[in-house]
Amino acid sequence: MATVDKLLIISLIILCCWFSYTDITERQISNKLTYPGIIVLLVFRMMCTAILVGMIPGAVLLLVFMISPRSLGTSNVKLVGLLGLGVGLEQAVVALLLMCFLFFCIQEEESCCQ
C-alpha cells in the first residue's frame, strides 16, 4: 500500500472518530468537515486515479433519501460518500454493511432493555 493511501486511511479514521463523537454527543455531523473532505477527495481521485466508483454507495443512499426523506439523514449520505471516495467501492460497501449491522445490534439491545 502506498504511503499516500496509508495517510488517506489514517486521516479518514481520525475524521470518522470525530464524526462519531459529534454524532453521539450533538446528534449531528458537521458540514464544516464533511464538505471540504468530499471536495479534497474528489479532486484527489480525479487527479490521481480518475476512478469515482466509490461514489456509488453515496449515490444509492442519496436516492433512498430522495424517495423517503425520513428513512435516513443527509449526514449519513455525506458520510458514506466521503468514505466511498476515500477507500473505494468495495470497502465502502463493507463499511456500510457493518454500520447497518451495528445499528441493528444497538436497536435490538435498546428494545430488550426497555
Protein backbone atom coordinates (compact mmCIF):
# COMPACT_ATOMS: atom_id res chain seq x y z
CA MET A 1 0.00 0.00 0.00
CA ALA A 2 1.41 3.37 -0.97
CA THR A 3 2.26 6.00 1.61
CA VAL A 4 -0.42 8.33 0.25
CA ASP A 5 -3.07 5.65 0.68
CA LYS A 6 -1.92 4.98 4.24
CA LEU A 7 -2.11 8.68 5.10
CA LEU A 8 -5.54 8.86 3.49
CA ILE A 9 -6.82 5.91 5.53
CA ILE A 10 -5.38 7.31 8.78
CA SER A 11 -6.96 10.71 8.05
CA LEU A 12 -10.33 9.07 7.35
CA ILE A 13 -10.15 7.07 10.59
CA ILE A 14 -9.47 10.23 12.59
CA LEU A 15 -12.24 12.08 10.76
CA CYS A 16 -14.72 9.24 11.33
CA CYS A 17 -13.84 9.13 15.03
CA TRP A 18 -14.61 12.85 15.23
CA PHE A 19 -17.86 12.36 13.31
CA SER A 20 -18.84 9.53 15.67
CA TYR A 21 -18.15 11.68 18.70
CA THR A 22 -20.16 14.65 17.42
CA ASP A 23 -22.97 12.39 16.22
CA ILE A 24 -23.25 10.77 19.65
CA THR A 25 -22.97 14.00 21.66
CA GLU A 26 -24.74 16.51 19.41
CA ARG A 27 -26.79 14.20 17.13
CA GLN A 28 -25.31 15.80 14.00
CA ILE A 29 -22.29 15.55 11.74
CA SER A 30 -20.65 18.88 10.95
CA ASN A 31 -20.71 20.13 7.39
CA LYS A 32 -17.58 22.17 8.16
CA LEU A 33 -15.51 18.99 7.83
CA THR A 34 -17.69 16.87 5.56
CA TYR A 35 -17.90 19.17 2.54
CA PRO A 36 -14.19 20.09 2.43
CA GLY A 37 -13.32 16.42 2.86
CA ILE A 38 -15.53 15.42 -0.05
CA ILE A 39 -14.09 18.17 -2.25
CA VAL A 40 -10.47 17.30 -1.40
CA LEU A 41 -11.04 13.59 -2.01
CA LEU A 42 -12.95 14.27 -5.22
CA VAL A 43 -10.08 16.38 -6.58
CA PHE A 44 -7.54 13.82 -5.37
CA ARG A 45 -9.36 10.93 -7.04
CA MET A 46 -9.79 12.83 -10.28
CA MET A 47 -6.11 13.81 -10.40
CA CYS A 48 -4.59 10.52 -9.33
CA THR A 49 -6.83 7.68 -10.36
CA ALA A 50 -9.83 9.12 -12.18
CA ILE A 51 -11.91 6.35 -10.58
CA LEU A 52 -15.04 7.67 -8.94
CA VAL A 53 -16.91 4.39 -8.50
CA GLY A 54 -16.53 4.87 -4.75
CA MET A 55 -19.33 7.41 -5.02
CA ILE A 56 -21.85 4.68 -5.88
CA PRO A 57 -22.84 3.83 -2.26
CA GLY A 58 -23.32 7.52 -1.51
CA ALA A 59 -25.39 7.94 -4.68
CA VAL A 60 -27.57 4.97 -3.71
CA LEU A 61 -28.16 6.44 -0.25
CA LEU A 62 -28.95 9.80 -1.84
CA LEU A 63 -31.56 8.10 -3.99
CA VAL A 64 -33.05 6.40 -0.90
CA PHE A 65 -33.09 9.77 0.87
CA MET A 66 -34.84 11.43 -2.07
CA ILE A 67 -37.50 8.71 -2.17
CA SER A 68 -38.04 8.56 1.59
CA PRO A 69 -36.52 11.55 3.44
CA ARG A 70 -37.40 10.23 6.89
CA SER A 71 -35.57 6.94 6.33
CA LEU A 72 -32.11 8.39 6.96
CA GLY A 73 -30.36 11.71 7.43
CA THR A 74 -28.35 13.66 4.94
CA SER A 75 -25.33 13.29 7.21
CA ASN A 76 -25.36 9.56 6.55
CA VAL A 77 -25.41 10.18 2.81
CA LYS A 78 -22.47 12.59 3.05
CA LEU A 79 -20.52 10.27 5.31
CA VAL A 80 -20.90 7.27 3.00
CA GLY A 81 -19.99 9.43 0.01
CA LEU A 82 -16.86 10.59 1.84
CA LEU A 83 -15.92 7.03 2.77
CA GLY A 84 -16.53 5.82 -0.75
CA LEU A 85 -14.24 8.45 -2.20
CA GLY A 86 -11.62 7.69 0.41
CA VAL A 87 -11.48 3.90 0.42
CA GLY A 88 -13.19 2.82 -2.79
CA LEU A 89 -16.33 0.94 -3.72
CA GLU A 90 -15.69 -2.46 -2.13
CA GLN A 91 -14.51 -1.14 1.22
CA ALA A 92 -17.31 1.45 1.33
CA VAL A 93 -19.91 -1.28 0.81
CA VAL A 94 -18.31 -3.35 3.59
CA ALA A 95 -18.29 -0.31 5.89
CA LEU A 96 -21.94 0.40 5.05
CA LEU A 97 -22.93 -3.18 5.82
CA LEU A 98 -21.03 -3.07 9.11
CA MET A 99 -22.76 0.20 10.02
CA CYS A 100 -26.15 -1.38 9.34
CA PHE A 101 -25.27 -4.48 11.36
CA LEU A 102 -24.07 -2.42 14.33
CA PHE A 103 -27.16 -0.21 14.13
CA PHE A 104 -29.46 -3.24 14.28
CA CYS A 105 -27.47 -4.69 17.19
CA ILE A 106 -27.81 -1.43 19.11
CA GLN A 107 -31.53 -1.19 18.32
CA GLU A 108 -32.08 -4.78 19.42
CA GLU A 109 -30.22 -4.14 22.67
CA GLU A 110 -32.27 -1.00 23.37
CA SER A 111 -35.55 -2.83 22.73
CA CYS A 112 -34.53 -5.66 25.06
CA CYS A 113 -33.66 -3.26 27.87
CA GLN A 114 -36.98 -1.41 27.82
